[in-house]
Amino acid sequence: MEKLISWVEIPAADFQRAVKFYNKVLKLDMKGEDYGTEKMACFPSGEGAIVMAEGYAPSKNGVIVSLLVPDSIDLTVARIEENGGKLTHPKTKIEAEGMGYFAVFLDIEGNRIGLHEKL
């Protein structure tokens, strides 16, 4: 099965702070681009971006996008907390065979984001 998510936009109120947060948490090196009325920092995988533009507002009640962790949920949660994020749902085994684990956190912009760790 192909991936179902082709693009994800995570809203930011403080663009530089959000880019720095995701770079540290996911061990990335995203660079922000300023397009006048919109700022965007694209994920290196080409699947989405951190975005600051009119009509984009961080929310803890919005859609949950789950990000594949670069190492483990435990290590990623430690980086999240070190960088101002907050775990809202602890690491939990996904009941479907071989699917791994998930957790949910609030990023520093107030977005509710999921984490996925494959087995």
PDB file of N, CA and C in Angstrom:
ATOM      1  N   MET A   1       0.834  -1.185   0.000  1.00  0.00           N
ATOM      2  CA  MET A   1       0.000   0.000   0.000  1.00  0.00           C
ATOM      3  C   MET A   1       0.880   1.250   0.000  1.00  0.00           C
ATOM      4  N   GLU A   2       0.530   2.218  -0.819  1.00  0.00           N
ATOM      5  CA  GLU A   2       1.265   3.481  -0.841  1.00  0.00           C
ATOM      6  C   GLU A   2       0.873   4.316   0.368  1.00  0.00           C
ATOM      7  N   LYS A   3       1.718   5.279   0.697  1.00  0.00           N
ATOM      8  CA  LYS A   3       1.401   6.181   1.794  1.00  0.00           C
ATOM      9  C   LYS A   3       0.124   6.934   1.485  1.00  0.00           C
ATOM     10  N   LEU A   4      -0.667   7.173   2.516  1.00  0.00           N
ATOM     11  CA  LEU A   4      -1.900   7.918   2.336  1.00  0.00           C
ATOM     12  C   LEU A   4      -1.705   9.411   2.499  1.00  0.00           C
ATOM     13  N   ILE A   5      -0.689   9.809   3.222  1.00  0.00           N
ATOM     14  CA  ILE A   5      -0.439  11.230   3.445  1.00  0.00           C
ATOM     15  C   ILE A   5       0.564  11.711   2.407  1.00  0.00           C
ATOM     16  N   SER A   6       0.144  12.699   1.612  1.00  0.00           N
ATOM     17  CA  SER A   6       1.068  13.210   0.612  1.00  0.00           C
ATOM     18  C   SER A   6       1.683  14.535   1.031  1.00  0.00           C
ATOM     19  N   TRP A   7       0.998  15.300   1.890  1.00  0.00           N
ATOM     20  CA  TRP A   7       1.514  16.595   2.326  1.00  0.00           C
ATOM     21  C   TRP A   7       0.848  16.968   3.637  1.00  0.00           C
ATOM     22  N   VAL A   8       1.619  17.498   4.552  1.00  0.00           N
ATOM     23  CA  VAL A   8       1.121  17.925   5.851  1.00  0.00           C
ATOM     24  C   VAL A   8       1.625  19.332   6.110  1.00  0.00           C
ATOM     25  N   GLU A   9       0.746  20.210   6.562  1.00  0.00           N
ATOM     26  CA  GLU A   9       1.165  21.554   6.933  1.00  0.00           C
ATOM     27  C   GLU A   9       0.881  21.764   8.409  1.00  0.00           C
ATOM     28  N   ILE A  10       1.938  22.018   9.180  1.00  0.00           N
ATOM     29  CA  ILE A  10       1.820  22.250  10.614  1.00  0.00           C
ATOM     30  C   ILE A  10       1.881  23.756  10.838  1.00  0.00           C
ATOM     31  N   PRO A  11       0.780  24.360  11.331  1.00  0.00           N
ATOM     32  CA  PRO A  11       0.746  25.806  11.537  1.00  0.00           C
ATOM     33  C   PRO A  11       1.701  26.264  12.636  1.00  0.00           C
ATOM     34  N   ALA A  12       2.230  27.466  12.456  1.00  0.00           N
ATOM     35  CA  ALA A  12       3.112  28.074  13.448  1.00  0.00           C
ATOM     36  C   ALA A  12       2.708  29.529  13.664  1.00  0.00           C
ATOM     37  N   ALA A  13       2.718  29.952  14.919  1.00  0.00           N
ATOM     38  CA  ALA A  13       2.507  31.358  15.249  1.00  0.00           C
ATOM     39  C   ALA A  13       3.860  32.065  15.340  1.00  0.00           C
ATOM     40  N   ASP A  14       4.871  31.354  15.827  1.00  0.00           N
ATOM     41  CA  ASP A  14       6.248  31.847  15.900  1.00  0.00           C
ATOM     42  C   ASP A  14       7.082  30.925  15.006  1.00  0.00           C
ATOM     43  N   PHE A  15       7.264  31.326  13.778  1.00  0.00           N
ATOM     44  CA  PHE A  15       7.862  30.474  12.756  1.00  0.00           C
ATOM     45  C   PHE A  15       9.254  29.968  13.118  1.00  0.00           C
ATOM     46  N   GLN A  16      10.159  30.867  13.478  1.00  0.00           N
ATOM     47  CA  GLN A  16      11.537  30.461  13.781  1.00  0.00           C
ATOM     48  C   GLN A  16      11.580  29.489  14.962  1.00  0.00           C
ATOM     49  N   ARG A  17      10.771  29.749  15.977  1.00  0.00           N
ATOM     50  CA  ARG A  17      10.720  28.874  17.149  1.00  0.00           C
ATOM     51  C   ARG A  17      10.230  27.481  16.745  1.00  0.00           C
ATOM     52  N   ALA A  18       9.206  27.413  15.903  1.00  0.00           N
ATOM     53  CA  ALA A  18       8.659  26.128  15.470  1.00  0.00           C
ATOM     54  C   ALA A  18       9.666  25.344  14.641  1.00  0.00           C
ATOM     55  N   VAL A  19      10.351  26.013  13.715  1.00  0.00           N
ATOM     56  CA  VAL A  19      11.358  25.338  12.887  1.00  0.00           C
ATOM     57  C   VAL A  19      12.480  24.799  13.770  1.00  0.00           C
ATOM     58  N   LYS A  20      12.941  25.599  14.703  1.00  0.00           N
ATOM     59  CA  LYS A  20      13.996  25.161  15.620  1.00  0.00           C
ATOM     60  C   LYS A  20      13.543  23.941  16.424  1.00  0.00           C
ATOM     61  N   PHE A  21      12.305  23.951  16.911  1.00  0.00           N
ATOM     62  CA  PHE A  21      11.744  22.836  17.678  1.00  0.00           C
ATOM     63  C   PHE A  21      11.773  21.545  16.866  1.00  0.00           C
ATOM     64  N   TYR A  22      11.233  21.563  15.648  1.00  0.00           N
ATOM     65  CA  TYR A  22      11.175  20.349  14.833  1.00  0.00           C
ATOM     66  C   TYR A  22      12.557  19.912  14.366  1.00  0.00           C
ATOM     67  N   ASN A  23      13.434  20.834  14.109  1.00  0.00           N
ATOM     68  CA  ASN A  23      14.816  20.455  13.768  1.00  0.00           C
ATOM     69  C   ASN A  23      15.455  19.687  14.915  1.00  0.00           C
ATOM     70  N   LYS A  24      15.274  20.151  16.139  1.00  0.00           N
ATOM     71  CA  LYS A  24      15.876  19.475  17.295  1.00  0.00           C
ATOM     72  C   LYS A  24      15.197  18.148  17.588  1.00  0.00           C
ATOM     73  N   VAL A  25      13.869  18.130  17.594  1.00  0.00           N
ATOM     74  CA  VAL A  25      13.120  16.929  17.961  1.00  0.00           C
ATOM     75  C   VAL A  25      13.327  15.795  16.958  1.00  0.00           C
ATOM     76  N   LEU A  26      13.294  16.116  15.670  1.00  0.00           N
ATOM     77  CA  LEU A  26      13.386  15.080  14.643  1.00  0.00           C
ATOM     78  C   LEU A  26      14.765  14.980  13.986  1.00  0.00           C
ATOM     79  N   LYS A  27      15.745  15.693  14.567  1.00  0.00           N
ATOM     80  CA  LYS A  27      17.116  15.663  14.062  1.00  0.00           C
ATOM     81  C   LYS A  27      17.167  16.058  12.588  1.00  0.00           C
ATOM     82  N   LEU A  28      16.536  17.175  12.260  1.00  0.00           N
ATOM     83  CA  LEU A  28      16.482  17.685  10.888  1.00  0.00           C
ATOM     84  C   LEU A  28      17.322  18.942  10.768  1.00  0.00           C
ATOM     85  N   ASP A  29      17.434  19.437   9.549  1.00  0.00           N
ATOM     86  CA  ASP A  29      18.117  20.693   9.285  1.00  0.00           C
ATOM     87  C   ASP A  29      17.289  21.495   8.277  1.00  0.00           C
ATOM     88  N   MET A  30      16.011  21.738   8.637  1.00  0.00           N
ATOM     89  CA  MET A  30      15.127  22.495   7.744  1.00  0.00           C
ATOM     90  C   MET A  30      15.524  23.957   7.747  1.00  0.00           C
ATOM     91  N   LYS A  31      15.385  24.569   6.604  1.00  0.00           N
ATOM     92  CA  LYS A  31      15.623  26.004   6.445  1.00  0.00           C
ATOM     93  C   LYS A  31      14.293  26.656   6.110  1.00  0.00           C
ATOM     94  N   GLY A  32      14.027  27.792   6.705  1.00  0.00           N
ATOM     95  CA  GLY A  32      12.799  28.507   6.422  1.00  0.00           C
ATOM     96  C   GLY A  32      12.902  29.350   5.168  1.00  0.00           C
ATOM     97  N   GLU A  33      11.811  29.432   4.440  1.00  0.00           N
ATOM     98  CA  GLU A  33      11.720  30.272   3.248  1.00  0.00           C
ATOM     99  C   GLU A  33      10.629  31.302   3.494  1.00  0.00           C
ATOM    100  N   ASP A  34      10.864  32.538   3.080  1.00  0.00           N
ATOM    101  CA  ASP A  34       9.895  33.615   3.239  1.00  0.00           C
ATOM    102  C   ASP A  34       9.333  33.956   1.868  1.00  0.00           C
ATOM    103  N   TYR A  35       8.037  33.753   1.707  1.00  0.00           N
ATOM    104  CA  TYR A  35       7.373  34.024   0.436  1.00  0.00           C
ATOM    105  C   TYR A  35       6.467  35.253   0.532  1.00  0.00           C
ATOM    106  N   GLY A  36       6.843  36.199   1.365  1.00  0.00           N
ATOM    107  CA  GLY A  36       6.057  37.422   1.533  1.00  0.00           C
ATOM    108  C   GLY A  36       4.925  37.235   2.525  1.00  0.00           C
ATOM    109  N   THR A  37       3.792  36.712   2.077  1.00  0.00           N
ATOM    110  CA  THR A  37       2.653  36.510   2.966  1.00  0.00           C
ATOM    111  C   THR A  37       2.664  35.134   3.619  1.00  0.00           C
ATOM    112  N   GLU A  38       3.651  34.322   3.281  1.00  0.00           N
ATOM    113  CA  GLU A  38       3.729  32.963   3.826  1.00  0.00           C
ATOM    114  C   GLU A  38       5.186  32.605   4.089  1.00  0.00           C
ATOM    115  N   LYS A  39       5.406  31.938   5.229  1.00  0.00           N
ATOM    116  CA  LYS A  39       6.725  31.378   5.533  1.00  0.00           C
ATOM    117  C   LYS A  39       6.562  29.871   5.582  1.00  0.00           C
ATOM    118  N   MET A  40       7.574  29.158   5.078  1.00  0.00           N
ATOM    119  CA  MET A  40       7.475  27.708   5.009  1.00  0.00           C
ATOM    120  C   MET A  40       8.851  27.078   5.189  1.00  0.00           C
ATOM    121  N   ALA A  41       8.897  26.013   5.971  1.00  0.00           N
ATOM    122  CA  ALA A  41      10.099  25.198   6.116  1.00  0.00           C
ATOM    123  C   ALA A  41       9.684  23.764   5.784  1.00  0.00           C
ATOM    124  N   CYS A  42      10.152  23.254   4.663  1.00  0.00           N
ATOM    125  CA  CYS A  42       9.724  21.940   4.181  1.00  0.00           C
ATOM    126  C   CYS A  42      10.504  20.805   4.839  1.00  0.00           C
ATOM    127  N   PHE A  43       9.786  19.722   5.136  1.00  0.00           N
ATOM    128  CA  PHE A  43      10.437  18.521   5.625  1.00  0.00           C
ATOM    129  C   PHE A  43      11.292  17.957   4.497  1.00  0.00           C
ATOM    130  N   PRO A  44      12.476  17.412   4.804  1.00  0.00           N
ATOM    131  CA  PRO A  44      13.368  16.912   3.757  1.00  0.00           C
ATOM    132  C   PRO A  44      12.769  15.755   2.960  1.00  0.00           C
ATOM    133  N   SER A  45      11.777  15.089   3.506  1.00  0.00           N
ATOM    134  CA  SER A  45      11.140  13.964   2.813  1.00  0.00           C
ATOM    135  C   SER A  45      10.182  14.426   1.723  1.00  0.00           C
ATOM    136  N   GLY A  46       9.858  15.731   1.704  1.00  0.00           N
ATOM    137  CA  GLY A  46       8.919  16.246   0.715  1.00  0.00           C
ATOM    138  C   GLY A  46       7.471  15.963   1.048  1.00  0.00           C
ATOM    139  N   GLU A  47       7.187  15.617   2.299  1.00  0.00           N
ATOM    140  CA  GLU A  47       5.828  15.242   2.689  1.00  0.00           C
ATOM    141  C   GLU A  47       5.076  16.337   3.429  1.00  0.00           C
ATOM    142  N   GLY A  48       5.696  17.490   3.651  1.00  0.00           N
ATOM    143  CA  GLY A  48       4.993  18.538   4.358  1.00  0.00           C
ATOM    144  C   GLY A  48       5.909  19.646   4.804  1.00  0.00           C
ATOM    145  N   ALA A  49       5.353  20.560   5.623  1.00  0.00           N
ATOM    146  CA  ALA A  49       6.113  21.732   6.026  1.00  0.00           C
ATOM    147  C   ALA A  49       5.537  22.367   7.285  1.00  0.00           C
ATOM    148  N   ILE A  50       6.361  23.170   7.933  1.00  0.00           N
ATOM    149  CA  ILE A  50       5.921  24.091   8.980  1.00  0.00           C
ATOM    150  C   ILE A  50       5.512  25.355   8.223  1.00  0.00           C
ATOM    151  N   VAL A  51       4.322  25.893   8.512  1.00  0.00           N
ATOM    152  CA  VAL A  51       3.807  27.017   7.744  1.00  0.00           C
ATOM    153  C   VAL A  51       3.289  28.117   8.664  1.00  0.00           C
ATOM    154  N   MET A  52       3.620  29.362   8.304  1.00  0.00           N
ATOM    155  CA  MET A  52       3.037  30.522   8.966  1.00  0.00           C
ATOM    156  C   MET A  52       2.441  31.397   7.874  1.00  0.00           C
ATOM    157  N   ALA A  53       1.118  31.535   7.901  1.00  0.00           N
ATOM    158  CA  ALA A  53       0.414  32.337   6.891  1.00  0.00           C
ATOM    159  C   ALA A  53      -0.967  32.680   7.434  1.00  0.00           C
ATOM    160  N   GLU A  54      -1.608  33.636   6.800  1.00  0.00           N
ATOM    161  CA  GLU A  54      -2.963  34.004   7.189  1.00  0.00           C
ATOM    162  C   GLU A  54      -3.870  32.782   7.056  1.00  0.00           C
ATOM    163  N   GLY A  55      -4.711  32.569   8.055  1.00  0.00           N
ATOM    164  CA  GLY A  55      -5.625  31.433   8.037  1.00  0.00           C
ATOM    165  C   GLY A  55      -5.070  30.170   8.662  1.00  0.00           C
ATOM    166  N   TYR A  56      -3.800  30.185   9.045  1.00  0.00           N
ATOM    167  CA  TYR A  56      -3.184  29.034   9.717  1.00  0.00           C
ATOM    168  C   TYR A  56      -3.077  29.357  11.198  1.00  0.00           C
ATOM    169  N   ALA A  57      -3.644  28.507  12.041  1.00  0.00           N
ATOM    170  CA  ALA A  57      -3.585  28.741  13.481  1.00  0.00           C
ATOM    171  C   ALA A  57      -3.308  27.428  14.200  1.00  0.00           C
ATOM    172  N   PRO A  58      -2.262  27.388  15.020  1.00  0.00           N
ATOM    173  CA  PRO A  58      -2.001  26.185  15.807  1.00  0.00           C
ATOM    174  C   PRO A  58      -3.213  25.843  16.669  1.00  0.00           C
ATOM    175  N   SER A  59      -3.461  24.548  16.856  1.00  0.00           N
ATOM    176  CA  SER A  59      -4.604  24.116  17.654  1.00  0.00           C
ATOM    177  C   SER A  59      -4.354  22.752  18.268  1.00  0.00           C
ATOM    178  N   LYS A  60      -4.718  22.608  19.524  1.00  0.00           N
ATOM    179  CA  LYS A  60      -4.593  21.297  20.172  1.00  0.00           C
ATOM    180  C   LYS A  60      -5.760  20.388  19.822  1.00  0.00           C
ATOM    181  N   ASN A  61      -6.767  20.900  19.113  1.00  0.00           N
ATOM    182  CA  ASN A  61      -7.944  20.107  18.764  1.00  0.00           C
ATOM    183  C   ASN A  61      -8.054  19.807  17.280  1.00  0.00           C
ATOM    184  N   GLY A  62      -7.005  20.096  16.521  1.00  0.00           N
ATOM    185  CA  GLY A  62      -7.042  19.885  15.074  1.00  0.00           C
ATOM    186  C   GLY A  62      -6.737  18.445  14.696  1.00  0.00           C
ATOM    187  N   VAL A  63      -6.494  18.249  13.432  1.00  0.00           N
ATOM    188  CA  VAL A  63      -6.165  16.936  12.882  1.00  0.00           C
ATOM    189  C   VAL A  63      -4.854  16.443  13.490  1.00  0.00           C
ATOM    190  N   ILE A  64      -4.774  15.156  13.784  1.00  0.00           N
ATOM    191  CA  ILE A  64      -3.525  14.594  14.285  1.00  0.00           C
ATOM    192  C   ILE A  64      -2.740  14.026  13.105  1.00  0.00           C
ATOM    193  N   VAL A  65      -1.562  14.532  12.936  1.00  0.00           N
ATOM    194  CA  VAL A  65      -0.626  14.014  11.951  1.00  0.00           C
ATOM    195  C   VAL A  65       0.415  13.241  12.743  1.00  0.00           C
ATOM    196  N   SER A  66       0.665  11.999  12.369  1.00  0.00           N
ATOM    197  CA  SER A  66       1.673  11.217  13.078  1.00  0.00           C
ATOM    198  C   SER A  66       2.977  11.214  12.301  1.00  0.00           C
ATOM    199  N   LEU A  67       4.043  11.509  13.008  1.00  0.00           N
ATOM    200  CA  LEU A  67       5.374  11.562  12.424  1.00  0.00           C
ATOM    201  C   LEU A  67       6.163  10.329  12.842  1.00  0.00           C
ATOM    202  N   LEU A  68       6.853   9.724  11.904  1.00  0.00           N
ATOM    203  CA  LEU A  68       7.709   8.581  12.192  1.00  0.00           C
ATOM    204  C   LEU A  68       8.930   9.086  12.950  1.00  0.00           C
ATOM    205  N   VAL A  69       9.224   8.497  14.107  1.00  0.00           N
ATOM    206  CA  VAL A  69      10.350   8.960  14.924  1.00  0.00           C
ATOM    207  C   VAL A  69      11.673   8.501  14.312  1.00  0.00           C
ATOM    208  N   PRO A  70      12.748   9.306  14.496  1.00  0.00           N
ATOM    209  CA  PRO A  70      14.043   8.948  13.901  1.00  0.00           C
ATOM    210  C   PRO A  70      14.780   7.856  14.662  1.00  0.00           C
ATOM    211  N   ASP A  71      14.390   7.581  15.909  1.00  0.00           N
ATOM    212  CA  ASP A  71      15.072   6.553  16.698  1.00  0.00           C
ATOM    213  C   ASP A  71      14.056   5.784  17.538  1.00  0.00           C
ATOM    214  N   SER A  72      13.558   6.361  18.611  1.00  0.00           N
ATOM    215  CA  SER A  72      12.527   5.723  19.423  1.00  0.00           C
ATOM    216  C   SER A  72      11.600   6.798  19.976  1.00  0.00           C
ATOM    217  N   ILE A  73      10.394   6.393  20.353  1.00  0.00           N
ATOM    218  CA  ILE A  73       9.470   7.354  20.970  1.00  0.00           C
ATOM    219  C   ILE A  73      10.073   7.895  22.260  1.00  0.00           C
ATOM    220  N   ASP A  74      10.687   7.036  23.052  1.00  0.00           N
ATOM    221  CA  ASP A  74      11.249   7.483  24.329  1.00  0.00           C
ATOM    222  C   ASP A  74      12.290   8.590  24.126  1.00  0.00           C
ATOM    223  N   LEU A  75      13.212   8.393  23.206  1.00  0.00           N
ATOM    224  CA  LEU A  75      14.234   9.409  22.945  1.00  0.00           C
ATOM    225  C   LEU A  75      13.621  10.670  22.337  1.00  0.00           C
ATOM    226  N   THR A  76      12.639  10.493  21.463  1.00  0.00           N
ATOM    227  CA  THR A  76      11.986  11.638  20.831  1.00  0.00           C
ATOM    228  C   THR A  76      11.195  12.439  21.856  1.00  0.00           C
ATOM    229  N   VAL A  77      10.493  11.766  22.759  1.00  0.00           N
ATOM    230  CA  VAL A  77       9.746  12.462  23.815  1.00  0.00           C
ATOM    231  C   VAL A  77      10.708  13.252  24.701  1.00  0.00           C
ATOM    232  N   ALA A  78      11.852  12.696  25.000  1.00  0.00           N
ATOM    233  CA  ALA A  78      12.841  13.429  25.806  1.00  0.00           C
ATOM    234  C   ALA A  78      13.243  14.721  25.096  1.00  0.00           C
ATOM    235  N   ARG A  79      13.470  14.652  23.784  1.00  0.00           N
ATOM    236  CA  ARG A  79      13.826  15.864  23.030  1.00  0.00           C
ATOM    237  C   ARG A  79      12.661  16.847  22.967  1.00  0.00           C
ATOM    238  N   ILE A  80      11.450  16.316  22.853  1.00  0.00           N
ATOM    239  CA  ILE A  80      10.260  17.175  22.834  1.00  0.00           C
ATOM    240  C   ILE A  80      10.189  17.978  24.131  1.00  0.00           C
ATOM    241  N   GLU A  81      10.315  17.290  25.261  1.00  0.00           N
ATOM    242  CA  GLU A  81      10.215  17.956  26.555  1.00  0.00           C
ATOM    243  C   GLU A  81      11.383  18.912  26.786  1.00  0.00           C
ATOM    244  N   GLU A  82      12.574  18.546  26.346  1.00  0.00           N
ATOM    245  CA  GLU A  82      13.747  19.429  26.478  1.00  0.00           C
ATOM    246  C   GLU A  82      13.581  20.723  25.696  1.00  0.00           C
ATOM    247  N   ASN A  83      12.751  20.668  24.648  1.00  0.00           N
ATOM    248  CA  ASN A  83      12.582  21.820  23.770  1.00  0.00           C
ATOM    249  C   ASN A  83      11.231  22.512  23.929  1.00  0.00           C
ATOM    250  N   GLY A  84      10.547  22.241  25.044  1.00  0.00           N
ATOM    251  CA  GLY A  84       9.336  22.982  25.376  1.00  0.00           C
ATOM    252  C   GLY A  84       8.017  22.337  24.992  1.00  0.00           C
ATOM    253  N   GLY A  85       8.039  21.154  24.369  1.00  0.00           N
ATOM    254  CA  GLY A  85       6.803  20.449  24.044  1.00  0.00           C
ATOM    255  C   GLY A  85       6.295  19.670  25.253  1.00  0.00           C
ATOM    256  N   LYS A  86       5.093  19.105  25.128  1.00  0.00           N
ATOM    257  CA  LYS A  86       4.482  18.396  26.261  1.00  0.00           C
ATOM    258  C   LYS A  86       3.795  17.119  25.781  1.00  0.00           C
ATOM    259  N   LEU A  87       4.142  16.003  26.398  1.00  0.00           N
ATOM    260  CA  LEU A  87       3.509  14.724  26.095  1.00  0.00           C
ATOM    261  C   LEU A  87       2.074  14.749  26.629  1.00  0.00           C
ATOM    262  N   THR A  88       1.101  14.381  25.785  1.00  0.00           N
ATOM    263  CA  THR A  88      -0.303  14.362  26.228  1.00  0.00           C
ATOM    264  C   THR A  88      -0.878  12.956  26.247  1.00  0.00           C
ATOM    265  N   HIS A  89      -0.268  12.025  25.528  1.00  0.00           N
ATOM    266  CA  HIS A  89      -0.669  10.614  25.549  1.00  0.00           C
ATOM    267  C   HIS A  89       0.608   9.792  25.506  1.00  0.00           C
ATOM    268  N   PRO A  90       0.831   8.968  26.513  1.00  0.00           N
ATOM    269  CA  PRO A  90       2.109   8.241  26.602  1.00  0.00           C
ATOM    270  C   PRO A  90       2.287   7.185  25.511  1.00  0.00           C
ATOM    271  N   LYS A  91       3.511   6.721  25.393  1.00  0.00           N
ATOM    272  CA  LYS A  91       3.838   5.645  24.457  1.00  0.00           C
ATOM    273  C   LYS A  91       2.895   4.477  24.717  1.00  0.00           C
ATOM    274  N   THR A  92       2.228   4.039  23.650  1.00  0.00           N
ATOM    275  CA  THR A  92       1.221   2.990  23.754  1.00  0.00           C
ATOM    276  C   THR A  92       1.407   2.005  22.611  1.00  0.00           C
ATOM    277  N   LYS A  93       1.330   0.719  22.918  1.00  0.00           N
ATOM    278  CA  LYS A  93       1.454  -0.305  21.876  1.00  0.00           C
ATOM    279  C   LYS A  93       0.208  -0.283  21.012  1.00  0.00           C
ATOM    280  N   ILE A  94       0.395  -0.297  19.704  1.00  0.00           N
ATOM    281  CA  ILE A  94      -0.721  -0.396  18.772  1.00  0.00           C
ATOM    282  C   ILE A  94      -1.121  -1.860  18.715  1.00  0.00           C
ATOM    283  N   GLU A  95      -2.396  -2.133  18.939  1.00  0.00           N
ATOM    284  CA  GLU A  95      -2.863  -3.522  19.064  1.00  0.00           C
ATOM    285  C   GLU A  95      -2.723  -4.344  17.788  1.00  0.00           C
ATOM    286  N   ALA A  96      -2.777  -3.713  16.627  1.00  0.00           N
ATOM    287  CA  ALA A  96      -2.616  -4.460  15.381  1.00  0.00           C
ATOM    288  C   ALA A  96      -1.207  -5.051  15.324  1.00  0.00           C
ATOM    289  N   GLU A  97      -1.115  -6.295  14.969  1.00  0.00           N
ATOM    290  CA  GLU A  97       0.154  -7.027  14.941  1.00  0.00           C
ATOM    291  C   GLU A  97       1.226  -6.314  14.126  1.00  0.00           C
ATOM    292  N   GLY A  98       2.381  -6.105  14.753  1.00  0.00           N
ATOM    293  CA  GLY A  98       3.539  -5.561  14.072  1.00  0.00           C
ATOM    294  C   GLY A  98       3.502  -4.073  13.748  1.00  0.00           C
ATOM    295  N   MET A  99       2.547  -3.340  14.297  1.00  0.00           N
ATOM    296  CA  MET A  99       2.407  -1.924  13.955  1.00  0.00           C
ATOM    297  C   MET A  99       3.249  -0.997  14.829  1.00  0.00           C
ATOM    298  N   GLY A 100       3.754  -1.478  15.947  1.00  0.00           N
ATOM    299  CA  GLY A 100       4.632  -0.660  16.773  1.00  0.00           C
ATOM    300  C   GLY A 100       3.920   0.103  17.866  1.00  0.00           C
ATOM    301  N   TYR A 101       4.331   1.360  18.060  1.00  0.00           N
ATOM    302  CA  TYR A 101       3.852   2.181  19.167  1.00  0.00           C
ATOM    303  C   TYR A 101       3.482   3.579  18.679  1.00  0.00           C
ATOM    304  N   PHE A 102       2.636   4.247  19.473  1.00  0.00           N
ATOM    305  CA  PHE A 102       2.326   5.643  19.180  1.00  0.00           C
ATOM    306  C   PHE A 102       2.304   6.441  20.472  1.00  0.00           C
ATOM    307  N   ALA A 103       2.404   7.740  20.344  1.00  0.00           N
ATOM    308  CA  ALA A 103       2.262   8.692  21.449  1.00  0.00           C
ATOM    309  C   ALA A 103       1.747   9.987  20.829  1.00  0.00           C
ATOM    310  N   VAL A 104       1.262  10.894  21.670  1.00  0.00           N
ATOM    311  CA  VAL A 104       0.767  12.183  21.191  1.00  0.00           C
ATOM    312  C   VAL A 104       1.356  13.276  22.068  1.00  0.00           C
ATOM    313  N   PHE A 105       1.737  14.391  21.446  1.00  0.00           N
ATOM    314  CA  PHE A 105       2.289  15.514  22.189  1.00  0.00           C
ATOM    315  C   PHE A 105       1.742  16.826  21.661  1.00  0.00           C
ATOM    316  N   LEU A 106       1.899  17.887  22.452  1.00  0.00           N
ATOM    317  CA  LEU A 106       1.624  19.243  21.996  1.00  0.00           C
ATOM    318  C   LEU A 106       2.959  19.872  21.678  1.00  0.00           C
ATOM    319  N   ASP A 107       3.075  20.432  20.466  1.00  0.00           N
ATOM    320  CA  ASP A 107       4.325  21.117  20.129  1.00  0.00           C
ATOM    321  C   ASP A 107       4.305  22.512  20.757  1.00  0.00           C
ATOM    322  N   ILE A 108       5.358  23.262  20.579  1.00  0.00           N
ATOM    323  CA  ILE A 108       5.454  24.572  21.230  1.00  0.00           C
ATOM    324  C   ILE A 108       4.543  25.617  20.608  1.00  0.00           C
ATOM    325  N   GLU A 109       3.888  25.274  19.498  1.00  0.00           N
ATOM    326  CA  GLU A 109       2.927  26.175  18.867  1.00  0.00           C
ATOM    327  C   GLU A 109       1.496  25.847  19.289  1.00  0.00           C
ATOM    328  N   GLY A 110       1.306  24.740  20.031  1.00  0.00           N
ATOM    329  CA  GLY A 110      -0.026  24.347  20.474  1.00  0.00           C
ATOM    330  C   GLY A 110      -0.700  23.314  19.594  1.00  0.00           C
ATOM    331  N   ASN A 111       0.023  22.741  18.624  1.00  0.00           N
ATOM    332  CA  ASN A 111      -0.533  21.706  17.757  1.00  0.00           C
ATOM    333  C   ASN A 111      -0.431  20.340  18.423  1.00  0.00           C
ATOM    334  N   ARG A 112      -1.470  19.524  18.251  1.00  0.00           N
ATOM    335  CA  ARG A 112      -1.470  18.144  18.730  1.00  0.00           C
ATOM    336  C   ARG A 112      -0.897  17.282  17.607  1.00  0.00           C
ATOM    337  N   ILE A 113       0.234  16.608  17.891  1.00  0.00           N
ATOM    338  CA  ILE A 113       0.953  15.826  16.883  1.00  0.00           C
ATOM    339  C   ILE A 113       1.170  14.413  17.409  1.00  0.00           C
ATOM    340  N   GLY A 114       1.020  13.427  16.524  1.00  0.00           N
ATOM    341  CA  GLY A 114       1.263  12.040  16.893  1.00  0.00           C
ATOM    342  C   GLY A 114       2.676  11.623  16.549  1.00  0.00           C
ATOM    343  N   LEU A 115       3.158  10.609  17.254  1.00  0.00           N
ATOM    344  CA  LEU A 115       4.455   9.992  16.973  1.00  0.00           C
ATOM    345  C   LEU A 115       4.209   8.524  16.662  1.00  0.00           C
ATOM    346  N   HIS A 116       4.989   7.961  15.752  1.00  0.00           N
ATOM    347  CA  HIS A 116       4.861   6.548  15.416  1.00  0.00           C
ATOM    348  C   HIS A 116       6.241   5.911  15.435  1.00  0.00           C
ATOM    349  N   GLU A 117       6.339   4.809  16.139  1.00  0.00           N
ATOM    350  CA  GLU A 117       7.576   4.017  16.181  1.00  0.00           C
ATOM    351  C   GLU A 117       7.263   2.642  15.626  1.00  0.00           C
ATOM    352  N   LYS A 118       7.898   2.300  14.503  1.00  0.00           N
ATOM    353  CA  LYS A 118       7.696   0.973  13.915  1.00  0.00           C
ATOM    354  C   LYS A 118       8.474  -0.054  14.695  1.00  0.00           C
ATOM    355  N   LEU A 119       8.020  -1.290  14.646  1.00  0.00           N
ATOM    356  CA  LEU A 119       8.764  -2.387  15.287  1.00  0.00           C
ATOM    357  C   LEU A 119       9.924  -2.814  14.426  1.00  0.00           C
TER     358      LEU A 119
END
